[in-house]
Amino acid sequence: MLFRSILMSLTCLAIASSNANADVKVVKNINSLQSADKLASVAGEKINSHHTAKSLVSGEKNNSVLLESSTSDISENVAIQELSKDNKKSQRISTDLGYQRSANYMTLTPTGQANSLGNPLYELRLFANGQLVGRYISVSGRAYTQTRDRNRSGTEAPLPDGRYKVATATTRGSIAEAGDRFLPIRPLFSTGRSALGIHYDPSFNKNNGEDGTSGCVALTNRQDLSQVLDYVNTYRPQFLEVAIR
């Protein structure tokens, strides 16, 4: 009986111990599962972080591409706007001066420069069928007459602004400084100036008191005058537009 009681006690202890081990294993397994979940979670976070970082980098690249594209578009738009401004400006000038695309004409405008004697230099431009075909440096008046009344005779001031009819043939100049080839131009507006024309200045940039003109337009050398006269003979310009003041 005693032996039986002892045997039963040992059996209970064995069962209890087995249950305890089972509990321990279960706890360990649970802990392992939790650890696995945590690891999976951490791994997932790392993966997500990696994907997020990759997405950010990709996004930055995309943004960079977009930025470059936007910058390119902006630059192109600015260039188009600037070109549009230039075109509008050209159209406005053409409208103001009454130019036509098929017209042959001449213009006289300032260069903002002067020769060594202080005489302002002007640019004579030649157009054929609305296209620029020649440009030449010239003078009008003298260094010390630039501010005089341009519409009064005898002032030796530069010729007044406005439109002029251009002759088709040359004559001999009335004074030595006008030379043997003088192309008359006639104002198409009211002014006291007359006997105006285009010639070359034999005293250009010479300190002899004769540098410049008495109001005519003068090329700086004989060769340039020859080319201008060839243009006049070939294209018969409809007018000379002077805008130097």
C-alpha atoms as a PDB file:
ATOM      1  CA  MET A   1       0.000   0.000   0.000  1.00  0.00           C
ATOM      2  CA  LEU A   2       2.829   2.270   0.945  1.00  0.00           C
ATOM      3  CA  PHE A   3       4.667   1.301  -2.198  1.00  0.00           C
ATOM      4  CA  ARG A   4       1.596   2.079  -4.232  1.00  0.00           C
ATOM      5  CA  SER A   5       1.275   5.519  -2.653  1.00  0.00           C
ATOM      6  CA  ILE A   6       4.915   6.239  -3.381  1.00  0.00           C
ATOM      7  CA  LEU A   7       4.516   5.078  -6.960  1.00  0.00           C
ATOM      8  CA  MET A   8       1.497   7.320  -7.458  1.00  0.00           C
ATOM      9  CA  SER A   9       3.362  10.283  -6.003  1.00  0.00           C
ATOM     10  CA  LEU A  10       6.279   9.691  -8.344  1.00  0.00           C
ATOM     11  CA  THR A  11       3.889   9.473 -11.279  1.00  0.00           C
ATOM     12  CA  CYS A  12       2.272  12.802 -10.331  1.00  0.00           C
ATOM     13  CA  LEU A  13       5.671  14.430 -10.013  1.00  0.00           C
ATOM     14  CA  ALA A  14       6.655  13.111 -13.429  1.00  0.00           C
ATOM     15  CA  ILE A  15       3.472  14.445 -14.968  1.00  0.00           C
ATOM     16  CA  ALA A  16       3.907  17.801 -13.253  1.00  0.00           C
ATOM     17  CA  SER A  17       7.490  17.973 -14.440  1.00  0.00           C
ATOM     18  CA  SER A  18       6.427  17.069 -17.964  1.00  0.00           C
ATOM     19  CA  ASN A  19       3.740  19.736 -17.902  1.00  0.00           C
ATOM     20  CA  ALA A  20       6.226  22.220 -16.571  1.00  0.00           C
ATOM     21  CA  ASN A  21       8.654  21.406 -19.393  1.00  0.00           C
ATOM     22  CA  ALA A  22       5.818  21.674 -21.840  1.00  0.00           C
ATOM     23  CA  ASP A  23       4.907  25.050 -20.411  1.00  0.00           C
ATOM     24  CA  VAL A  24       8.505  26.134 -20.695  1.00  0.00           C
ATOM     25  CA  LYS A  25       8.647  24.956 -24.301  1.00  0.00           C
ATOM     26  CA  VAL A  26       5.380  26.699 -25.068  1.00  0.00           C
ATOM     27  CA  VAL A  27       6.670  29.902 -23.480  1.00  0.00           C
ATOM     28  CA  LYS A  28       9.919  29.551 -25.423  1.00  0.00           C
ATOM     29  CA  ASN A  29       7.965  28.903 -28.585  1.00  0.00           C
ATOM     30  CA  ILE A  30       5.737  31.897 -27.931  1.00  0.00           C
ATOM     31  CA  ASN A  31       8.768  34.028 -27.218  1.00  0.00           C
ATOM     32  CA  SER A  32      10.372  32.721 -30.386  1.00  0.00           C
ATOM     33  CA  LEU A  33       7.282  33.538 -32.384  1.00  0.00           C
ATOM     34  CA  GLN A  34       7.163  37.005 -30.871  1.00  0.00           C
ATOM     35  CA  SER A  35      10.823  37.457 -31.636  1.00  0.00           C
ATOM     36  CA  ALA A  36      10.212  36.238 -35.182  1.00  0.00           C
ATOM     37  CA  ASP A  37       7.316  38.658 -35.498  1.00  0.00           C
ATOM     38  CA  LYS A  38       9.519  41.439 -34.201  1.00  0.00           C
ATOM     39  CA  LEU A  39      12.266  40.439 -36.594  1.00  0.00           C
ATOM     40  CA  ALA A  40       9.790  40.272 -39.421  1.00  0.00           C
ATOM     41  CA  SER A  41       8.391  43.614 -38.347  1.00  0.00           C
ATOM     42  CA  VAL A  42      11.873  45.125 -38.150  1.00  0.00           C
ATOM     43  CA  ALA A  43      12.786  43.530 -41.443  1.00  0.00           C
ATOM     44  CA  GLY A  44       9.572  44.900 -42.899  1.00  0.00           C
ATOM     45  CA  GLU A  45      10.402  48.331 -41.545  1.00  0.00           C
ATOM     46  CA  LYS A  46      13.874  48.077 -43.075  1.00  0.00           C
ATOM     47  CA  ILE A  47      12.398  46.935 -46.343  1.00  0.00           C
ATOM     48  CA  ASN A  48       9.829  49.710 -46.209  1.00  0.00           C
ATOM     49  CA  SER A  49      12.534  52.180 -45.242  1.00  0.00           C
ATOM     50  CA  HIS A  50      14.660  50.936 -48.136  1.00  0.00           C
ATOM     51  CA  HIS A  51      11.720  51.238 -50.486  1.00  0.00           C
ATOM     52  CA  THR A  52      10.889  54.640 -49.075  1.00  0.00           C
ATOM     53  CA  ALA A  53      14.488  55.799 -49.461  1.00  0.00           C
ATOM     54  CA  LYS A  54      14.562  54.347 -52.949  1.00  0.00           C
ATOM     55  CA  SER A  55      11.300  56.053 -53.732  1.00  0.00           C
ATOM     56  CA  LEU A  56      12.650  59.308 -52.376  1.00  0.00           C
ATOM     57  CA  VAL A  57      15.778  58.988 -54.458  1.00  0.00           C
ATOM     58  CA  SER A  58      13.655  58.070 -57.441  1.00  0.00           C
ATOM     59  CA  GLY A  59      11.389  60.974 -56.613  1.00  0.00           C
ATOM     60  CA  GLU A  60      14.377  63.289 -56.392  1.00  0.00           C
ATOM     61  CA  LYS A  61      15.554  62.038 -59.767  1.00  0.00           C
ATOM     62  CA  ASN A  62      12.091  62.528 -61.166  1.00  0.00           C
ATOM     63  CA  ASN A  63      11.921  65.949 -59.583  1.00  0.00           C
ATOM     64  CA  SER A  64      15.354  66.690 -61.012  1.00  0.00           C
ATOM     65  CA  VAL A  65      14.185  65.636 -64.445  1.00  0.00           C
ATOM     66  CA  LEU A  66      11.037  67.677 -63.996  1.00  0.00           C
ATOM     67  CA  LEU A  67      13.110  70.616 -62.791  1.00  0.00           C
ATOM     68  CA  GLU A  68      15.455  70.334 -65.744  1.00  0.00           C
ATOM     69  CA  SER A  69      12.472  70.013 -68.051  1.00  0.00           C
ATOM     70  CA  SER A  70      10.783  72.985 -66.394  1.00  0.00           C
ATOM     71  CA  THR A  71      13.995  74.999 -66.577  1.00  0.00           C
ATOM     72  CA  SER A  72      14.358  74.088 -70.223  1.00  0.00           C
ATOM     73  CA  ASP A  73      10.761  75.059 -70.864  1.00  0.00           C
ATOM     74  CA  ILE A  74      11.238  78.343 -68.980  1.00  0.00           C
ATOM     75  CA  SER A  75      14.414  79.115 -70.930  1.00  0.00           C
ATOM     76  CA  GLU A  76      12.653  78.299 -74.175  1.00  0.00           C
ATOM     77  CA  ASN A  77       9.676  80.430 -73.188  1.00  0.00           C
ATOM     78  CA  VAL A  78      11.978  83.325 -72.248  1.00  0.00           C
ATOM     79  CA  ALA A  79      13.805  82.966 -75.569  1.00  0.00           C
ATOM     80  CA  ILE A  80      10.462  82.921 -77.417  1.00  0.00           C
ATOM     81  CA  GLN A  81       9.267  85.962 -75.461  1.00  0.00           C
ATOM     82  CA  GLU A  82      12.518  87.819 -76.200  1.00  0.00           C
ATOM     83  CA  LEU A  83      12.271  86.877 -79.861  1.00  0.00           C
ATOM     84  CA  SER A  84       8.662  88.014 -79.852  1.00  0.00           C
ATOM     85  CA  LYS A  85       9.720  91.349 -78.306  1.00  0.00           C
ATOM     86  CA  ASP A  86      12.385  91.796 -80.969  1.00  0.00           C
ATOM     87  CA  ASN A  87       9.887  90.981 -83.710  1.00  0.00           C
ATOM     88  CA  LYS A  88       7.351  93.419 -82.260  1.00  0.00           C
ATOM     89  CA  LYS A  89      10.043  96.084 -81.997  1.00  0.00           C
ATOM     90  CA  SER A  90      11.057  95.531 -85.622  1.00  0.00           C
ATOM     91  CA  GLN A  91       7.431  95.639 -86.687  1.00  0.00           C
ATOM     92  CA  ARG A  92       6.902  98.865 -84.738  1.00  0.00           C
ATOM     93  CA  ILE A  93       9.953 100.493 -86.334  1.00  0.00           C
ATOM     94  CA  SER A  94       8.823  99.338 -89.753  1.00  0.00           C
ATOM     95  CA  THR A  95       5.357 100.734 -89.112  1.00  0.00           C
ATOM     96  CA  ASP A  96       6.709 104.045 -87.788  1.00  0.00           C
ATOM     97  CA  LEU A  97       8.932 104.565 -90.816  1.00  0.00           C
ATOM     98  CA  GLY A  98       6.431 103.212 -93.312  1.00  0.00           C
ATOM     99  CA  TYR A  99       8.783 100.515 -94.554  1.00  0.00           C
ATOM    100  CA  GLN A 100       7.591  97.756 -96.831  1.00  0.00           C
ATOM    101  CA  ARG A 101       9.117  94.315 -97.208  1.00  0.00           C
ATOM    102  CA  SER A 102       9.660  94.895-100.905  1.00  0.00           C
ATOM    103  CA  ALA A 103      10.951  98.463-100.511  1.00  0.00           C
ATOM    104  CA  ASN A 104      14.400  99.774-101.401  1.00  0.00           C
ATOM    105  CA  TYR A 105      15.432 102.522 -99.009  1.00  0.00           C
ATOM    106  CA  MET A 106      18.247 104.017 -96.938  1.00  0.00           C
ATOM    107  CA  THR A 107      18.477 105.023 -93.275  1.00  0.00           C
ATOM    108  CA  LEU A 108      20.825 107.237 -91.284  1.00  0.00           C
ATOM    109  CA  THR A 109      21.122 106.531 -87.536  1.00  0.00           C
ATOM    110  CA  PRO A 110      23.614 107.325 -84.720  1.00  0.00           C
ATOM    111  CA  THR A 111      26.394 104.902 -83.767  1.00  0.00           C
ATOM    112  CA  GLY A 112      27.032 106.535 -80.386  1.00  0.00           C
ATOM    113  CA  GLN A 113      30.685 107.001 -81.360  1.00  0.00           C
ATOM    114  CA  ALA A 114      32.799 109.851 -82.695  1.00  0.00           C
ATOM    115  CA  ASN A 115      36.039 110.232 -84.617  1.00  0.00           C
ATOM    116  CA  SER A 116      39.259 111.464 -82.992  1.00  0.00           C
ATOM    117  CA  LEU A 117      38.149 115.090 -83.482  1.00  0.00           C
ATOM    118  CA  GLY A 118      34.878 114.539 -81.601  1.00  0.00           C
ATOM    119  CA  ASN A 119      32.677 114.531 -84.681  1.00  0.00           C
ATOM    120  CA  PRO A 120      29.769 112.075 -84.159  1.00  0.00           C
ATOM    121  CA  LEU A 121      29.662 109.080 -86.483  1.00  0.00           C
ATOM    122  CA  TYR A 122      26.421 108.013 -88.147  1.00  0.00           C
ATOM    123  CA  GLU A 123      25.602 104.770 -89.915  1.00  0.00           C
ATOM    124  CA  LEU A 124      24.175 104.836 -93.413  1.00  0.00           C
ATOM    125  CA  ARG A 125      22.281 101.614 -94.083  1.00  0.00           C
ATOM    126  CA  LEU A 126      21.166 100.392 -97.486  1.00  0.00           C
ATOM    127  CA  PHE A 127      18.139  98.122 -97.951  1.00  0.00           C
ATOM    128  CA  ALA A 128      17.079  96.183-101.030  1.00  0.00           C
ATOM    129  CA  ASN A 129      13.700  94.445-101.068  1.00  0.00           C
ATOM    130  CA  GLY A 130      13.481  95.114 -97.331  1.00  0.00           C
ATOM    131  CA  GLN A 131      16.802  93.378 -96.630  1.00  0.00           C
ATOM    132  CA  LEU A 132      19.946  95.056 -95.293  1.00  0.00           C
ATOM    133  CA  VAL A 133      22.618  94.924 -98.018  1.00  0.00           C
ATOM    134  CA  GLY A 134      25.152  97.503 -96.843  1.00  0.00           C
ATOM    135  CA  ARG A 135      26.191  99.702 -93.928  1.00  0.00           C
ATOM    136  CA  TYR A 136      28.689 102.562 -93.942  1.00  0.00           C
ATOM    137  CA  ILE A 137      30.131 105.015 -91.420  1.00  0.00           C
ATOM    138  CA  SER A 138      29.453 108.640 -92.231  1.00  0.00           C
ATOM    139  CA  VAL A 139      29.403 112.145 -90.769  1.00  0.00           C
ATOM    140  CA  SER A 140      27.003 115.069 -90.995  1.00  0.00           C
ATOM    141  CA  GLY A 141      27.850 118.558 -89.794  1.00  0.00           C
ATOM    142  CA  ARG A 142      30.946 119.227 -87.736  1.00  0.00           C
ATOM    143  CA  ALA A 143      31.984 118.465 -84.160  1.00  0.00           C
ATOM    144  CA  TYR A 144      31.109 121.985 -82.994  1.00  0.00           C
ATOM    145  CA  THR A 145      27.830 122.377 -84.950  1.00  0.00           C
ATOM    146  CA  GLN A 146      25.917 119.350 -83.653  1.00  0.00           C
ATOM    147  CA  THR A 147      23.672 121.377 -81.329  1.00  0.00           C
ATOM    148  CA  ARG A 148      22.854 124.165 -83.764  1.00  0.00           C
ATOM    149  CA  ASP A 149      19.453 124.663 -85.396  1.00  0.00           C
ATOM    150  CA  ARG A 150      19.183 121.921 -87.976  1.00  0.00           C
ATOM    151  CA  ASN A 151      16.352 123.582 -89.859  1.00  0.00           C
ATOM    152  CA  ARG A 152      18.089 126.896 -90.413  1.00  0.00           C
ATOM    153  CA  SER A 153      20.306 127.498 -93.405  1.00  0.00           C
ATOM    154  CA  GLY A 154      23.953 128.465 -92.865  1.00  0.00           C
ATOM    155  CA  THR A 155      24.361 126.776 -89.469  1.00  0.00           C
ATOM    156  CA  GLU A 156      26.438 123.857 -90.826  1.00  0.00           C
ATOM    157  CA  ALA A 157      24.479 121.675 -88.401  1.00  0.00           C
ATOM    158  CA  PRO A 158      23.710 118.048 -89.302  1.00  0.00           C
ATOM    159  CA  LEU A 159      20.733 117.584 -91.606  1.00  0.00           C
ATOM    160  CA  PRO A 160      17.351 117.484 -89.818  1.00  0.00           C
ATOM    161  CA  ASP A 161      15.478 114.274 -89.096  1.00  0.00           C
ATOM    162  CA  GLY A 162      12.897 113.215 -91.636  1.00  0.00           C
ATOM    163  CA  ARG A 163      12.406 111.590 -95.013  1.00  0.00           C
ATOM    164  CA  TYR A 164      14.287 112.618 -98.141  1.00  0.00           C
ATOM    165  CA  LYS A 165      13.874 111.864-101.820  1.00  0.00           C
ATOM    166  CA  VAL A 166      17.082 110.455-103.293  1.00  0.00           C
ATOM    167  CA  ALA A 167      18.246 111.528-106.743  1.00  0.00           C
ATOM    168  CA  THR A 168      19.011 108.877-109.353  1.00  0.00           C
ATOM    169  CA  ALA A 169      22.146 110.551-110.728  1.00  0.00           C
ATOM    170  CA  THR A 170      25.129 112.457-109.319  1.00  0.00           C
ATOM    171  CA  THR A 171      26.294 115.981-110.001  1.00  0.00           C
ATOM    172  CA  ARG A 172      29.516 117.831-109.236  1.00  0.00           C
ATOM    173  CA  GLY A 173      29.737 119.338-105.776  1.00  0.00           C
ATOM    174  CA  SER A 174      29.463 123.105-105.495  1.00  0.00           C
ATOM    175  CA  ILE A 175      32.494 123.204-103.172  1.00  0.00           C
ATOM    176  CA  ALA A 176      35.769 121.282-103.186  1.00  0.00           C
ATOM    177  CA  GLU A 177      34.919 119.383-100.014  1.00  0.00           C
ATOM    178  CA  ALA A 178      31.806 117.955-101.718  1.00  0.00           C
ATOM    179  CA  GLY A 179      33.955 116.386-104.437  1.00  0.00           C
ATOM    180  CA  ASP A 180      33.178 115.586-108.054  1.00  0.00           C
ATOM    181  CA  ARG A 181      30.396 113.121-107.207  1.00  0.00           C
ATOM    182  CA  PHE A 182      27.509 114.549-105.282  1.00  0.00           C
ATOM    183  CA  LEU A 183      24.171 112.726-104.916  1.00  0.00           C
ATOM    184  CA  PRO A 184      21.391 115.241-104.141  1.00  0.00           C
ATOM    185  CA  ILE A 185      18.720 114.476-101.541  1.00  0.00           C
ATOM    186  CA  ARG A 186      15.597 116.620-101.131  1.00  0.00           C
ATOM    187  CA  PRO A 187      13.639 116.977 -97.862  1.00  0.00           C
ATOM    188  CA  LEU A 188      10.034 115.767 -98.111  1.00  0.00           C
ATOM    189  CA  PHE A 189       9.048 118.067 -95.231  1.00  0.00           C
ATOM    190  CA  SER A 190       9.173 121.751 -94.455  1.00  0.00           C
ATOM    191  CA  THR A 191      12.649 123.028 -93.549  1.00  0.00           C
ATOM    192  CA  GLY A 192      14.988 125.924 -94.258  1.00  0.00           C
ATOM    193  CA  ARG A 193      17.775 123.577 -95.355  1.00  0.00           C
ATOM    194  CA  SER A 194      18.636 123.014 -99.004  1.00  0.00           C
ATOM    195  CA  ALA A 195      21.528 121.894-101.238  1.00  0.00           C
ATOM    196  CA  LEU A 196      21.873 118.713 -99.214  1.00  0.00           C
ATOM    197  CA  GLY A 197      23.315 115.497-100.572  1.00  0.00           C
ATOM    198  CA  ILE A 198      25.562 112.473-100.137  1.00  0.00           C
ATOM    199  CA  HIS A 199      29.274 112.625-100.939  1.00  0.00           C
ATOM    200  CA  TYR A 200      32.554 111.658 -99.299  1.00  0.00           C
ATOM    201  CA  ASP A 201      34.610 113.807 -96.922  1.00  0.00           C
ATOM    202  CA  PRO A 202      38.217 114.236 -98.130  1.00  0.00           C
ATOM    203  CA  SER A 203      39.080 115.835 -94.774  1.00  0.00           C
ATOM    204  CA  PHE A 204      37.617 113.125 -92.568  1.00  0.00           C
ATOM    205  CA  ASN A 205      39.493 112.903 -89.266  1.00  0.00           C
ATOM    206  CA  LYS A 206      41.992 115.542 -90.402  1.00  0.00           C
ATOM    207  CA  ASN A 207      42.727 118.439 -88.106  1.00  0.00           C
ATOM    208  CA  ASN A 208      42.474 121.048 -90.874  1.00  0.00           C
ATOM    209  CA  GLY A 209      39.218 122.726 -89.877  1.00  0.00           C
ATOM    210  CA  GLU A 210      37.312 120.925 -92.655  1.00  0.00           C
ATOM    211  CA  ASP A 211      36.485 117.605 -90.953  1.00  0.00           C
ATOM    212  CA  GLY A 212      32.787 116.878 -91.434  1.00  0.00           C
ATOM    213  CA  THR A 213      30.273 118.639 -93.662  1.00  0.00           C
ATOM    214  CA  SER A 214      28.125 121.745 -93.894  1.00  0.00           C
ATOM    215  CA  GLY A 215      25.083 119.535 -93.338  1.00  0.00           C
ATOM    216  CA  CYS A 216      25.341 116.827 -96.005  1.00  0.00           C
ATOM    217  CA  VAL A 217      25.890 113.140 -95.382  1.00  0.00           C
ATOM    218  CA  ALA A 218      29.520 112.249 -96.111  1.00  0.00           C
ATOM    219  CA  LEU A 219      31.159 108.832 -96.343  1.00  0.00           C
ATOM    220  CA  THR A 220      34.631 108.542 -94.824  1.00  0.00           C
ATOM    221  CA  ASN A 221      36.349 107.481 -98.065  1.00  0.00           C
ATOM    222  CA  ARG A 222      35.925 107.439-101.833  1.00  0.00           C
ATOM    223  CA  GLN A 223      35.528 103.657-102.076  1.00  0.00           C
ATOM    224  CA  ASP A 224      32.507 103.633 -99.760  1.00  0.00           C
ATOM    225  CA  LEU A 225      30.914 106.398-101.801  1.00  0.00           C
ATOM    226  CA  SER A 226      31.392 104.362-104.983  1.00  0.00           C
ATOM    227  CA  GLN A 227      29.612 101.379-103.405  1.00  0.00           C
ATOM    228  CA  VAL A 228      26.719 103.543-102.217  1.00  0.00           C
ATOM    229  CA  LEU A 229      26.351 105.077-105.674  1.00  0.00           C
ATOM    230  CA  ASP A 230      26.369 101.603-107.242  1.00  0.00           C
ATOM    231  CA  TYR A 231      23.553 100.630-104.893  1.00  0.00           C
ATOM    232  CA  VAL A 232      21.575 103.755-105.846  1.00  0.00           C
ATOM    233  CA  ASN A 233      22.089 103.079-109.534  1.00  0.00           C
ATOM    234  CA  THR A 234      20.984  99.433-109.160  1.00  0.00           C
ATOM    235  CA  TYR A 235      18.080  99.666-106.702  1.00  0.00           C
ATOM    236  CA  ARG A 236      16.800 103.235-107.043  1.00  0.00           C
ATOM    237  CA  PRO A 237      15.969 103.688-103.334  1.00  0.00           C
ATOM    238  CA  GLN A 238      12.573 105.223-102.709  1.00  0.00           C
ATOM    239  CA  PHE A 239      13.750 107.415 -99.835  1.00  0.00           C
ATOM    240  CA  LEU A 240      16.367 108.144 -97.178  1.00  0.00           C
ATOM    241  CA  GLU A 241      15.047 108.131 -93.602  1.00  0.00           C
ATOM    242  CA  VAL A 242      17.137 110.249 -91.208  1.00  0.00           C
ATOM    243  CA  ALA A 243      16.764 109.707 -87.456  1.00  0.00           C
ATOM    244  CA  ILE A 244      19.931 111.000 -85.788  1.00  0.00           C
ATOM    245  CA  ARG A 245      18.585 113.294 -83.069  1.00  0.00           C
END
